[in-house]
PDB file of N, CA and C in Angstrom:
ATOM      1  N   MET A   1      -7.491  37.930  31.176  1.00  0.00           N
ATOM      2  CA  MET A   1      -6.214  37.307  30.953  1.00  0.00           C
ATOM      3  C   MET A   1      -6.171  36.634  29.578  1.00  0.00           C
ATOM      4  N   GLY A   2      -7.304  36.153  29.112  1.00  0.00           N
ATOM      5  CA  GLY A   2      -7.355  35.541  27.795  1.00  0.00           C
ATOM      6  C   GLY A   2      -7.094  36.551  26.686  1.00  0.00           C
ATOM      7  N   LEU A   3      -7.537  37.803  26.880  1.00  0.00           N
ATOM      8  CA  LEU A   3      -7.292  38.823  25.877  1.00  0.00           C
ATOM      9  C   LEU A   3      -5.818  39.185  25.784  1.00  0.00           C
ATOM     10  N   VAL A   4      -5.163  39.204  26.904  1.00  0.00           N
ATOM     11  CA  VAL A   4      -3.741  39.547  26.908  1.00  0.00           C
ATOM     12  C   VAL A   4      -2.942  38.465  26.189  1.00  0.00           C
ATOM     13  N   MET A   5      -3.283  37.229  26.416  1.00  0.00           N
ATOM     14  CA  MET A   5      -2.552  36.140  25.781  1.00  0.00           C
ATOM     15  C   MET A   5      -2.791  36.119  24.279  1.00  0.00           C
ATOM     16  N   SER A   6      -4.017  36.394  23.835  1.00  0.00           N
ATOM     17  CA  SER A   6      -4.301  36.360  22.409  1.00  0.00           C
ATOM     18  C   SER A   6      -3.600  37.504  21.679  1.00  0.00           C
ATOM     19  N   SER A   7      -3.479  38.675  22.326  1.00  0.00           N
ATOM     20  CA  SER A   7      -2.792  39.778  21.657  1.00  0.00           C
ATOM     21  C   SER A   7      -1.297  39.504  21.565  1.00  0.00           C
ATOM     22  N   LYS A   8      -0.740  38.790  22.525  1.00  0.00           N
ATOM     23  CA  LYS A   8       0.670  38.437  22.462  1.00  0.00           C
ATOM     24  C   LYS A   8       0.922  37.447  21.331  1.00  0.00           C
ATOM     25  N   LYS A   9      -0.010  36.538  21.121  1.00  0.00           N
ATOM     26  CA  LYS A   9       0.161  35.559  20.057  1.00  0.00           C
ATOM     27  C   LYS A   9       0.108  36.218  18.682  1.00  0.00           C
ATOM     28  N   LYS A  10      -0.704  37.246  18.515  1.00  0.00           N
ATOM     29  CA  LYS A  10      -0.811  37.917  17.220  1.00  0.00           C
ATOM     30  C   LYS A  10       0.463  38.669  16.882  1.00  0.00           C
ATOM     31  N   ASN A  11       1.137  39.211  17.870  1.00  0.00           N
ATOM     32  CA  ASN A  11       2.340  39.994  17.627  1.00  0.00           C
ATOM     33  C   ASN A  11       3.598  39.143  17.636  1.00  0.00           C
ATOM     34  N   ALA A  12       3.502  37.881  17.987  1.00  0.00           N
ATOM     35  CA  ALA A  12       4.678  37.020  18.056  1.00  0.00           C
ATOM     36  C   ALA A  12       5.177  36.724  16.646  1.00  0.00           C
ATOM     37  N   PRO A  13       6.490  36.667  16.458  1.00  0.00           N
ATOM     38  CA  PRO A  13       7.025  36.335  15.132  1.00  0.00           C
ATOM     39  C   PRO A  13       6.756  34.876  14.791  1.00  0.00           C
ATOM     40  N   LEU A  14       6.686  34.589  13.509  1.00  0.00           N
ATOM     41  CA  LEU A  14       6.452  33.218  13.077  1.00  0.00           C
ATOM     42  C   LEU A  14       7.690  32.369  13.324  1.00  0.00           C
ATOM     43  N   PRO A  15       7.505  31.112  13.648  1.00  0.00           N
ATOM     44  CA  PRO A  15       8.667  30.240  13.831  1.00  0.00           C
ATOM     45  C   PRO A  15       9.366  29.996  12.495  1.00  0.00           C
ATOM     46  N   ALA A  16      10.639  29.685  12.551  1.00  0.00           N
ATOM     47  CA  ALA A  16      11.405  29.419  11.327  1.00  0.00           C
ATOM     48  C   ALA A  16      11.093  28.010  10.838  1.00  0.00           C
ATOM     49  N   SER A  17       9.946  27.856  10.232  1.00  0.00           N
ATOM     50  CA  SER A  17       9.544  26.561   9.699  1.00  0.00           C
ATOM     51  C   SER A  17       8.859  26.779   8.371  1.00  0.00           C
ATOM     52  N   SER A  18       8.234  25.753   7.861  1.00  0.00           N
ATOM     53  CA  SER A  18       7.569  25.862   6.570  1.00  0.00           C
ATOM     54  C   SER A  18       6.342  26.766   6.642  1.00  0.00           C
ATOM     55  N   ALA A  19       5.839  27.056   7.826  1.00  0.00           N
ATOM     56  CA  ALA A  19       4.666  27.922   7.942  1.00  0.00           C
ATOM     57  C   ALA A  19       4.982  29.320   7.422  1.00  0.00           C
ATOM     58  N   GLY A  20       6.154  29.818   7.699  1.00  0.00           N
ATOM     59  CA  GLY A  20       6.542  31.134   7.202  1.00  0.00           C
ATOM     60  C   GLY A  20       6.698  31.144   5.698  1.00  0.00           C
ATOM     61  N   LEU A  21       7.242  30.060   5.132  1.00  0.00           N
ATOM     62  CA  LEU A  21       7.402  29.976   3.686  1.00  0.00           C
ATOM     63  C   LEU A  21       6.048  29.886   2.999  1.00  0.00           C
ATOM     64  N   LEU A  22       5.132  29.137   3.577  1.00  0.00           N
ATOM     65  CA  LEU A  22       3.806  29.001   2.999  1.00  0.00           C
ATOM     66  C   LEU A  22       3.110  30.349   2.974  1.00  0.00           C
ATOM     67  N   ARG A  23       3.242  31.089   4.029  1.00  0.00           N
ATOM     68  CA  ARG A  23       2.624  32.408   4.092  1.00  0.00           C
ATOM     69  C   ARG A  23       3.256  33.342   3.066  1.00  0.00           C
ATOM     70  N   PHE A  24       4.552  33.218   2.850  1.00  0.00           N
ATOM     71  CA  PHE A  24       5.239  34.062   1.871  1.00  0.00           C
ATOM     72  C   PHE A  24       4.749  33.773   0.463  1.00  0.00           C
ATOM     73  N   PHE A  25       4.614  32.507   0.108  1.00  0.00           N
ATOM     74  CA  PHE A  25       4.229  32.153  -1.248  1.00  0.00           C
ATOM     75  C   PHE A  25       2.737  32.329  -1.517  1.00  0.00           C
ATOM     76  N   GLU A  26       1.940  32.572  -0.510  1.00  0.00           N
ATOM     77  CA  GLU A  26       0.522  32.813  -0.727  1.00  0.00           C
ATOM     78  C   GLU A  26       0.251  34.242  -1.161  1.00  0.00           C
ATOM     79  N   ASP A  27       1.239  35.129  -1.084  1.00  0.00           N
ATOM     80  CA  ASP A  27       1.048  36.512  -1.501  1.00  0.00           C
ATOM     81  C   ASP A  27       0.769  36.563  -2.995  1.00  0.00           C
ATOM     82  N   GLU A  28      -0.044  37.518  -3.383  1.00  0.00           N
ATOM     83  CA  GLU A  28      -0.385  37.682  -4.787  1.00  0.00           C
ATOM     84  C   GLU A  28       0.810  38.226  -5.553  1.00  0.00           C
ATOM     85  N   THR A  29       1.102  37.603  -6.681  1.00  0.00           N
ATOM     86  CA  THR A  29       2.168  38.069  -7.550  1.00  0.00           C
ATOM     87  C   THR A  29       1.623  38.204  -8.958  1.00  0.00           C
ATOM     88  N   ARG A  30       2.325  38.996  -9.750  1.00  0.00           N
ATOM     89  CA  ARG A  30       1.916  39.152 -11.142  1.00  0.00           C
ATOM     90  C   ARG A  30       2.392  37.959 -11.956  1.00  0.00           C
ATOM     91  N   GLY A  31       1.740  37.718 -13.067  1.00  0.00           N
ATOM     92  CA  GLY A  31       2.152  36.647 -13.967  1.00  0.00           C
ATOM     93  C   GLY A  31       1.057  35.610 -14.151  1.00  0.00           C
ATOM     94  N   ILE A  32       1.390  34.605 -14.927  1.00  0.00           N
ATOM     95  CA  ILE A  32       0.447  33.541 -15.237  1.00  0.00           C
ATOM     96  C   ILE A  32       0.351  32.604 -14.042  1.00  0.00           C
ATOM     97  N   LYS A  33      -0.854  32.242 -13.668  1.00  0.00           N
ATOM     98  CA  LYS A  33      -1.070  31.320 -12.562  1.00  0.00           C
ATOM     99  C   LYS A  33      -1.593  30.008 -13.138  1.00  0.00           C
ATOM    100  N   VAL A  34      -0.827  28.938 -12.953  1.00  0.00           N
ATOM    101  CA  VAL A  34      -1.184  27.622 -13.471  1.00  0.00           C
ATOM    102  C   VAL A  34      -1.139  26.634 -12.315  1.00  0.00           C
ATOM    103  N   LYS A  35      -2.142  25.798 -12.228  1.00  0.00           N
ATOM    104  CA  LYS A  35      -2.180  24.778 -11.187  1.00  0.00           C
ATOM    105  C   LYS A  35      -1.087  23.742 -11.442  1.00  0.00           C
ATOM    106  N   PRO A  36      -0.512  23.192 -10.380  1.00  0.00           N
ATOM    107  CA  PRO A  36       0.529  22.166 -10.561  1.00  0.00           C
ATOM    108  C   PRO A  36       0.031  20.932 -11.302  1.00  0.00           C
ATOM    109  N   GLU A  37      -1.250  20.597 -11.148  1.00  0.00           N
ATOM    110  CA  GLU A  37      -1.798  19.436 -11.842  1.00  0.00           C
ATOM    111  C   GLU A  37      -1.749  19.623 -13.344  1.00  0.00           C
ATOM    112  N   ILE A  38      -1.987  20.848 -13.799  1.00  0.00           N
ATOM    113  CA  ILE A  38      -1.956  21.129 -15.237  1.00  0.00           C
ATOM    114  C   ILE A  38      -0.534  21.001 -15.763  1.00  0.00           C
ATOM    115  N   VAL A  39       0.433  21.503 -15.019  1.00  0.00           N
ATOM    116  CA  VAL A  39       1.836  21.406 -15.440  1.00  0.00           C
ATOM    117  C   VAL A  39       2.258  19.942 -15.538  1.00  0.00           C
ATOM    118  N   LEU A  40       1.890  19.135 -14.532  1.00  0.00           N
ATOM    119  CA  LEU A  40       2.231  17.713 -14.575  1.00  0.00           C
ATOM    120  C   LEU A  40       1.517  17.000 -15.722  1.00  0.00           C
ATOM    121  N   GLY A  41       0.279  17.384 -15.980  1.00  0.00           N
ATOM    122  CA  GLY A  41      -0.461  16.777 -17.090  1.00  0.00           C
ATOM    123  C   GLY A  41       0.165  17.091 -18.437  1.00  0.00           C
ATOM    124  N   ILE A  42       0.589  18.328 -18.631  1.00  0.00           N
ATOM    125  CA  ILE A  42       1.232  18.710 -19.889  1.00  0.00           C
ATOM    126  C   ILE A  42       2.560  17.977 -20.042  1.00  0.00           C
ATOM    127  N   ALA A  43       3.329  17.890 -18.954  1.00  0.00           N
ATOM    128  CA  ALA A  43       4.606  17.171 -19.014  1.00  0.00           C
ATOM    129  C   ALA A  43       4.375  15.699 -19.350  1.00  0.00           C
ATOM    130  N   GLY A  44       3.386  15.078 -18.729  1.00  0.00           N
ATOM    131  CA  GLY A  44       3.078  13.679 -19.017  1.00  0.00           C
ATOM    132  C   GLY A  44       2.617  13.477 -20.452  1.00  0.00           C
ATOM    133  N   ALA A  45       1.828  14.418 -20.957  1.00  0.00           N
ATOM    134  CA  ALA A  45       1.366  14.329 -22.342  1.00  0.00           C
ATOM    135  C   ALA A  45       2.540  14.447 -23.316  1.00  0.00           C
ATOM    136  N   MET A  46       3.461  15.342 -23.026  1.00  0.00           N
ATOM    137  CA  MET A  46       4.628  15.501 -23.901  1.00  0.00           C
ATOM    138  C   MET A  46       5.486  14.231 -23.905  1.00  0.00           C
ATOM    139  N   ILE A  47       5.652  13.618 -22.739  1.00  0.00           N
ATOM    140  CA  ILE A  47       6.413  12.371 -22.662  1.00  0.00           C
ATOM    141  C   ILE A  47       5.701  11.277 -23.445  1.00  0.00           C
ATOM    142  N   GLY A  48       4.378  11.182 -23.270  1.00  0.00           N
ATOM    143  CA  GLY A  48       3.601  10.178 -24.002  1.00  0.00           C
ATOM    144  C   GLY A  48       3.664  10.373 -25.503  1.00  0.00           C
ATOM    145  N   ILE A  49       3.558  11.615 -25.947  1.00  0.00           N
ATOM    146  CA  ILE A  49       3.628  11.907 -27.384  1.00  0.00           C
ATOM    147  C   ILE A  49       4.998  11.537 -27.941  1.00  0.00           C
ATOM    148  N   SER A  50       6.051  11.861 -27.199  1.00  0.00           N
ATOM    149  CA  SER A  50       7.391  11.537 -27.698  1.00  0.00           C
ATOM    150  C   SER A  50       7.600  10.023 -27.771  1.00  0.00           C
ATOM    151  N   ILE A  51       7.054   9.271 -26.824  1.00  0.00           N
ATOM    152  CA  ILE A  51       7.168   7.807 -26.875  1.00  0.00           C
ATOM    153  C   ILE A  51       6.395   7.263 -28.067  1.00  0.00           C
ATOM    154  N   ILE A  52       5.204   7.774 -28.302  1.00  0.00           N
ATOM    155  CA  ILE A  52       4.399   7.320 -29.442  1.00  0.00           C
ATOM    156  C   ILE A  52       5.099   7.637 -30.758  1.00  0.00           C
ATOM    157  N   ILE A  53       5.708   8.806 -30.865  1.00  0.00           N
ATOM    158  CA  ILE A  53       6.431   9.169 -32.094  1.00  0.00           C
ATOM    159  C   ILE A  53       7.609   8.220 -32.317  1.00  0.00           C
ATOM    160  N   ARG A  54       8.305   7.859 -31.223  1.00  0.00           N
ATOM    161  CA  ARG A  54       9.434   6.906 -31.348  1.00  0.00           C
ATOM    162  C   ARG A  54       8.947   5.536 -31.837  1.00  0.00           C
ATOM    163  N   ILE A  55       7.771   5.119 -31.375  1.00  0.00           N
ATOM    164  CA  ILE A  55       7.245   3.801 -31.775  1.00  0.00           C
ATOM    165  C   ILE A  55       6.753   3.833 -33.214  1.00  0.00           C
ATOM    166  N   VAL A  56       6.051   4.880 -33.601  1.00  0.00           N
ATOM    167  CA  VAL A  56       5.473   4.963 -34.947  1.00  0.00           C
ATOM    168  C   VAL A  56       6.538   5.230 -35.986  1.00  0.00           C
ATOM    169  N   PHE A  57       7.500   6.098 -35.692  1.00  0.00           N
ATOM    170  CA  PHE A  57       8.554   6.464 -36.636  1.00  0.00           C
ATOM    171  C   PHE A  57       9.930   6.093 -36.081  1.00  0.00           C
ATOM    172  N   PRO A  58      10.254   4.794 -36.092  1.00  0.00           N
ATOM    173  CA  PRO A  58      11.571   4.400 -35.548  1.00  0.00           C
ATOM    174  C   PRO A  58      12.709   4.923 -36.430  1.00  0.00           C
ATOM    175  N   ALA A  59      13.765   5.308 -35.786  1.00  0.00           N
ATOM    176  CA  ALA A  59      14.893   5.868 -36.538  1.00  0.00           C
ATOM    177  C   ALA A  59      15.909   4.814 -36.873  1.00  0.00           C
TER     178      ALA A  59
END
């Protein structure tokens, strides 16, 4: 009976929740792969540089 239940679970459709979206976005795609931490770090560095430029070279 345990085998029958496990095979039913494998064939069952995924619930309409974030689990299905997570599975969709885990698929391999072409293009550049960058970690989110790197993107946030670059954005923070750009903001910091622009603030420093404003302080050093006031308009």
